[in-house]
PDB file of N, CA and C in Angstrom:
ATOM      1  N   MET A   1     -72.451 -82.538  20.622  1.00  0.00           N
ATOM      2  CA  MET A   1     -72.457 -82.751  18.891  1.00  0.00           C
ATOM      3  C   MET A   1     -72.147 -84.560  18.963  1.00  0.00           C
ATOM      4  N   ASN A   2     -71.583 -85.292  19.902  1.00  0.00           N
ATOM      5  CA  ASN A   2     -71.653 -86.401  20.034  1.00  0.00           C
ATOM      6  C   ASN A   2     -72.882 -87.062  20.141  1.00  0.00           C
ATOM      7  N   LEU A   3     -74.388 -86.037  20.744  1.00  0.00           N
ATOM      8  CA  LEU A   3     -75.568 -86.490  21.378  1.00  0.00           C
ATOM      9  C   LEU A   3     -76.221 -86.033  19.960  1.00  0.00           C
ATOM     10  N   ASN A   4     -75.690 -85.636  19.702  1.00  0.00           N
ATOM     11  CA  ASN A   4     -76.579 -84.877  18.337  1.00  0.00           C
ATOM     12  C   ASN A   4     -76.233 -86.326  17.449  1.00  0.00           C
ATOM     13  N   ARG A   5     -75.413 -86.783  17.014  1.00  0.00           N
ATOM     14  CA  ARG A   5     -75.507 -87.594  16.149  1.00  0.00           C
ATOM     15  C   ARG A   5     -75.302 -89.380  16.181  1.00  0.00           C
ATOM     16  N   THR A   6     -75.380 -89.604  17.516  1.00  0.00           N
ATOM     17  CA  THR A   6     -75.503 -90.863  18.547  1.00  0.00           C
ATOM     18  C   THR A   6     -77.001 -90.932  18.435  1.00  0.00           C
ATOM     19  N   ALA A   7     -77.819 -89.493  18.082  1.00  0.00           N
ATOM     20  CA  ALA A   7     -79.329 -89.751  18.292  1.00  0.00           C
ATOM     21  C   ALA A   7     -79.870 -89.592  16.805  1.00  0.00           C
ATOM     22  N   GLY A   8     -78.911 -89.899  16.225  1.00  0.00           N
ATOM     23  CA  GLY A   8     -79.433 -89.968  14.702  1.00  0.00           C
ATOM     24  C   GLY A   8     -79.237 -89.179  13.172  1.00  0.00           C
ATOM     25  N   VAL A   9     -79.307 -87.332  14.376  1.00  0.00           N
ATOM     26  CA  VAL A   9     -79.187 -86.614  13.417  1.00  0.00           C
ATOM     27  C   VAL A   9     -78.476 -86.825  12.202  1.00  0.00           C
ATOM     28  N   LYS A  10     -78.669 -86.376  10.920  1.00  0.00           N
ATOM     29  CA  LYS A  10     -77.223 -86.714   9.613  1.00  0.00           C
ATOM     30  C   LYS A  10     -76.789 -84.941   9.694  1.00  0.00           C
ATOM     31  N   GLU A  11     -77.510 -83.676   9.720  1.00  0.00           N
ATOM     32  CA  GLU A  11     -76.974 -82.289   9.915  1.00  0.00           C
ATOM     33  C   GLU A  11     -77.251 -81.147  10.568  1.00  0.00           C
ATOM     34  N   TYR A  12     -76.156 -80.846  11.384  1.00  0.00           N
ATOM     35  CA  TYR A  12     -76.411 -80.381  11.816  1.00  0.00           C
ATOM     36  C   TYR A  12     -75.752 -78.324  11.282  1.00  0.00           C
ATOM     37  N   TRP A  13     -76.901 -77.333  11.215  1.00  0.00           N
ATOM     38  CA  TRP A  13     -76.710 -75.890  11.162  1.00  0.00           C
ATOM     39  C   TRP A  13     -76.398 -74.648  12.775  1.00  0.00           C
ATOM     40  N   ILE A  14     -75.696 -74.584  12.611  1.00  0.00           N
ATOM     41  CA  ILE A  14     -75.280 -73.817  13.650  1.00  0.00           C
ATOM     42  C   ILE A  14     -75.397 -72.065  12.623  1.00  0.00           C
ATOM     43  N   VAL A  15     -76.219 -70.969  12.691  1.00  0.00           N
ATOM     44  CA  VAL A  15     -76.583 -69.642  12.157  1.00  0.00           C
ATOM     45  C   VAL A  15     -76.434 -69.434  13.707  1.00  0.00           C
ATOM     46  N   ASN A  16     -75.017 -68.354  12.726  1.00  0.00           N
ATOM     47  CA  ASN A  16     -75.343 -67.204  13.948  1.00  0.00           C
ATOM     48  C   ASN A  16     -75.446 -65.306  13.665  1.00  0.00           C
ATOM     49  N   PRO A  17     -76.190 -65.453  13.458  1.00  0.00           N
ATOM     50  CA  PRO A  17     -76.690 -63.540  12.817  1.00  0.00           C
ATOM     51  C   PRO A  17     -75.317 -62.598  13.492  1.00  0.00           C
ATOM     52  N   MET A  18     -75.288 -62.176  14.172  1.00  0.00           N
ATOM     53  CA  MET A  18     -74.264 -61.665  14.706  1.00  0.00           C
ATOM     54  C   MET A  18     -72.959 -61.355  13.694  1.00  0.00           C
ATOM     55  N   LYS A  19     -72.645 -62.045  12.624  1.00  0.00           N
ATOM     56  CA  LYS A  19     -71.417 -62.579  12.634  1.00  0.00           C
ATOM     57  C   LYS A  19     -71.832 -63.228  10.901  1.00  0.00           C
ATOM     58  N   GLU A  20     -72.928 -63.580  10.792  1.00  0.00           N
ATOM     59  CA  GLU A  20     -73.520 -63.401   9.257  1.00  0.00           C
ATOM     60  C   GLU A  20     -72.889 -65.221   8.692  1.00  0.00           C
ATOM     61  N   THR A  21     -72.420 -65.756   9.416  1.00  0.00           N
ATOM     62  CA  THR A  21     -72.106 -67.668   9.339  1.00  0.00           C
ATOM     63  C   THR A  21     -73.091 -68.387   9.495  1.00  0.00           C
ATOM     64  N   VAL A  22     -72.447 -69.682   8.804  1.00  0.00           N
ATOM     65  CA  VAL A  22     -73.579 -71.189   9.281  1.00  0.00           C
ATOM     66  C   VAL A  22     -72.353 -71.982   9.191  1.00  0.00           C
ATOM     67  N   ILE A  23     -72.556 -72.698  10.362  1.00  0.00           N
ATOM     68  CA  ILE A  23     -71.726 -73.655  10.161  1.00  0.00           C
ATOM     69  C   ILE A  23     -72.239 -75.124  10.526  1.00  0.00           C
ATOM     70  N   VAL A  24     -71.808 -76.246   9.198  1.00  0.00           N
ATOM     71  CA  VAL A  24     -72.707 -77.230   8.884  1.00  0.00           C
ATOM     72  C   VAL A  24     -71.971 -78.416   9.411  1.00  0.00           C
ATOM     73  N   TYR A  25     -72.513 -79.395  10.210  1.00  0.00           N
ATOM     74  CA  TYR A  25     -71.918 -79.806  10.093  1.00  0.00           C
ATOM     75  C   TYR A  25     -73.004 -81.884   9.722  1.00  0.00           C
ATOM     76  N   ASP A  26     -71.608 -82.644   8.873  1.00  0.00           N
ATOM     77  CA  ASP A  26     -72.258 -83.442   8.399  1.00  0.00           C
ATOM     78  C   ASP A  26     -72.220 -84.865   8.711  1.00  0.00           C
ATOM     79  N   PHE A  27     -72.614 -85.059   9.762  1.00  0.00           N
ATOM     80  CA  PHE A  27     -72.405 -86.674  10.292  1.00  0.00           C
ATOM     81  C   PHE A  27     -72.468 -88.149   9.151  1.00  0.00           C
ATOM     82  N   VAL A  28     -72.945 -88.226   8.078  1.00  0.00           N
ATOM     83  CA  VAL A  28     -73.311 -88.507   7.315  1.00  0.00           C
ATOM     84  C   VAL A  28     -71.683 -89.058   6.658  1.00  0.00           C
ATOM     85  N   ASN A  29     -71.507 -87.593   6.247  1.00  0.00           N
ATOM     86  CA  ASN A  29     -69.849 -88.054   5.888  1.00  0.00           C
ATOM     87  C   ASN A  29     -69.202 -87.939   6.510  1.00  0.00           C
ATOM     88  N   ASP A  30     -68.531 -88.594   8.077  1.00  0.00           N
ATOM     89  CA  ASP A  30     -67.168 -88.510   8.435  1.00  0.00           C
ATOM     90  C   ASP A  30     -67.591 -86.768   9.490  1.00  0.00           C
ATOM     91  N   GLU A  31     -68.436 -86.749   9.877  1.00  0.00           N
ATOM     92  CA  GLU A  31     -68.239 -85.663  10.694  1.00  0.00           C
ATOM     93  C   GLU A  31     -67.680 -83.931   9.585  1.00  0.00           C
ATOM     94  N   LYS A  32     -67.332 -84.339   8.265  1.00  0.00           N
ATOM     95  CA  LYS A  32     -67.428 -83.255   7.601  1.00  0.00           C
ATOM     96  C   LYS A  32     -67.754 -81.888   7.757  1.00  0.00           C
ATOM     97  N   ILE A  33     -67.323 -80.482   8.288  1.00  0.00           N
ATOM     98  CA  ILE A  33     -67.682 -79.490   9.007  1.00  0.00           C
ATOM     99  C   ILE A  33     -67.149 -78.258   8.000  1.00  0.00           C
ATOM    100  N   ALA A  34     -68.079 -77.306   7.676  1.00  0.00           N
ATOM    101  CA  ALA A  34     -67.990 -76.115   6.704  1.00  0.00           C
ATOM    102  C   ALA A  34     -68.640 -75.022   6.977  1.00  0.00           C
ATOM    103  N   GLN A  35     -67.805 -74.041   6.884  1.00  0.00           N
ATOM    104  CA  GLN A  35     -68.455 -72.803   7.098  1.00  0.00           C
ATOM    105  C   GLN A  35     -68.571 -71.709   5.988  1.00  0.00           C
ATOM    106  N   TYR A  36     -69.929 -71.044   6.369  1.00  0.00           N
ATOM    107  CA  TYR A  36     -70.579 -69.981   4.645  1.00  0.00           C
ATOM    108  C   TYR A  36     -70.575 -69.184   5.471  1.00  0.00           C
ATOM    109  N   SER A  37     -70.655 -68.158   4.855  1.00  0.00           N
ATOM    110  CA  SER A  37     -71.412 -66.500   5.025  1.00  0.00           C
ATOM    111  C   SER A  37     -73.499 -66.693   4.980  1.00  0.00           C
ATOM    112  N   PHE A  38     -74.150 -65.864   5.119  1.00  0.00           N
ATOM    113  CA  PHE A  38     -74.620 -65.296   4.306  1.00  0.00           C
ATOM    114  C   PHE A  38     -75.037 -65.491   2.539  1.00  0.00           C
ATOM    115  N   GLU A  39     -74.060 -65.012   2.556  1.00  0.00           N
ATOM    116  CA  GLU A  39     -74.330 -64.815   1.715  1.00  0.00           C
ATOM    117  C   GLU A  39     -74.401 -65.568  -0.264  1.00  0.00           C
ATOM    118  N   GLU A  40     -73.842 -67.037   0.494  1.00  0.00           N
ATOM    119  CA  GLU A  40     -73.545 -68.085  -0.103  1.00  0.00           C
ATOM    120  C   GLU A  40     -74.846 -69.039  -0.608  1.00  0.00           C
ATOM    121  N   ASN A  41     -74.870 -69.890  -0.806  1.00  0.00           N
ATOM    122  CA  ASN A  41     -75.600 -70.776  -1.494  1.00  0.00           C
ATOM    123  C   ASN A  41     -75.174 -71.778  -0.794  1.00  0.00           C
ATOM    124  N   ILE A  42     -76.555 -72.845   0.050  1.00  0.00           N
ATOM    125  CA  ILE A  42     -75.691 -73.353   0.964  1.00  0.00           C
ATOM    126  C   ILE A  42     -76.118 -74.919   0.441  1.00  0.00           C
ATOM    127  N   SER A  43     -75.862 -76.026   0.392  1.00  0.00           N
ATOM    128  CA  SER A  43     -76.577 -77.445  -0.269  1.00  0.00           C
ATOM    129  C   SER A  43     -76.911 -77.561   1.314  1.00  0.00           C
ATOM    130  N   VAL A  44     -78.029 -78.448   1.118  1.00  0.00           N
ATOM    131  CA  VAL A  44     -78.898 -79.090   2.032  1.00  0.00           C
ATOM    132  C   VAL A  44     -78.687 -80.432   1.665  1.00  0.00           C
ATOM    133  N   GLY A  45     -77.733 -81.111   2.206  1.00  0.00           N
ATOM    134  CA  GLY A  45     -76.656 -82.536   2.535  1.00  0.00           C
ATOM    135  C   GLY A  45     -78.249 -83.946   2.884  1.00  0.00           C
ATOM    136  N   ILE A  46     -79.057 -83.548   3.027  1.00  0.00           N
ATOM    137  CA  ILE A  46     -80.436 -83.872   3.382  1.00  0.00           C
ATOM    138  C   ILE A  46     -81.180 -84.300   2.369  1.00  0.00           C
ATOM    139  N   PHE A  47     -81.020 -83.504   1.637  1.00  0.00           N
ATOM    140  CA  PHE A  47     -82.051 -83.080   0.281  1.00  0.00           C
ATOM    141  C   PHE A  47     -80.909 -82.596  -0.735  1.00  0.00           C
ATOM    142  N   PRO A  48     -80.869 -83.867  -1.388  1.00  0.00           N
ATOM    143  CA  PRO A  48     -80.278 -83.436  -2.538  1.00  0.00           C
ATOM    144  C   PRO A  48     -80.569 -82.911  -3.553  1.00  0.00           C
ATOM    145  N   GLY A  49     -79.872 -81.680  -4.098  1.00  0.00           N
ATOM    146  CA  GLY A  49     -80.390 -80.848  -5.424  1.00  0.00           C
ATOM    147  C   GLY A  49     -80.903 -79.390  -4.399  1.00  0.00           C
ATOM    148  N   LEU A  50     -81.203 -79.411  -3.624  1.00  0.00           N
ATOM    149  CA  LEU A  50     -82.065 -78.175  -2.695  1.00  0.00           C
ATOM    150  C   LEU A  50     -80.921 -77.280  -2.209  1.00  0.00           C
ATOM    151  N   SER A  51     -81.101 -76.070  -2.180  1.00  0.00           N
ATOM    152  CA  SER A  51     -79.753 -75.342  -1.730  1.00  0.00           C
ATOM    153  C   SER A  51     -80.466 -74.095  -0.955  1.00  0.00           C
ATOM    154  N   MET A  52     -80.032 -73.510  -0.029  1.00  0.00           N
ATOM    155  CA  MET A  52     -80.390 -72.449   0.705  1.00  0.00           C
ATOM    156  C   MET A  52     -79.536 -70.923   0.457  1.00  0.00           C
ATOM    157  N   ASN A  53     -80.016 -69.696   0.756  1.00  0.00           N
ATOM    158  CA  ASN A  53     -79.339 -68.567   0.516  1.00  0.00           C
ATOM    159  C   ASN A  53     -79.520 -68.000   1.527  1.00  0.00           C
ATOM    160  N   ILE A  54     -79.563 -67.746   3.053  1.00  0.00           N
ATOM    161  CA  ILE A  54     -79.433 -67.583   4.415  1.00  0.00           C
ATOM    162  C   ILE A  54     -79.893 -65.729   3.578  1.00  0.00           C
ATOM    163  N   ALA A  55     -78.941 -64.703   3.115  1.00  0.00           N
ATOM    164  CA  ALA A  55     -79.573 -63.335   2.932  1.00  0.00           C
ATOM    165  C   ALA A  55     -80.687 -63.169   2.387  1.00  0.00           C
ATOM    166  N   GLU A  56     -80.613 -64.372   1.409  1.00  0.00           N
ATOM    167  CA  GLU A  56     -82.085 -64.157   0.327  1.00  0.00           C
ATOM    168  C   GLU A  56     -83.410 -64.729   1.834  1.00  0.00           C
ATOM    169  N   LEU A  57     -83.308 -65.380   1.923  1.00  0.00           N
ATOM    170  CA  LEU A  57     -84.709 -65.792   3.592  1.00  0.00           C
ATOM    171  C   LEU A  57     -84.753 -65.025   3.899  1.00  0.00           C
ATOM    172  N   LEU A  58     -83.365 -63.955   3.983  1.00  0.00           N
ATOM    173  CA  LEU A  58     -84.175 -62.247   5.512  1.00  0.00           C
ATOM    174  C   LEU A  58     -84.484 -61.502   4.731  1.00  0.00           C
ATOM    175  N   LYS A  59     -84.747 -61.505   3.328  1.00  0.00           N
ATOM    176  CA  LYS A  59     -84.940 -60.298   2.946  1.00  0.00           C
ATOM    177  C   LYS A  59     -86.614 -59.430   3.107  1.00  0.00           C
TER     178      LYS A  59
END
């Protein structure tokens, strides 16, 4: 994670299809970490107003 942050990555998503979860690391806002299920709408921090629902994408 340190390499991503120092390289200028603003947001990093880890998608786990086995557990149907998404972990979002927000490097812009003090490394805030959040976990979501595929069914939840996930706000894309680097694009205000945009959200994604992984379950909808996989239909």
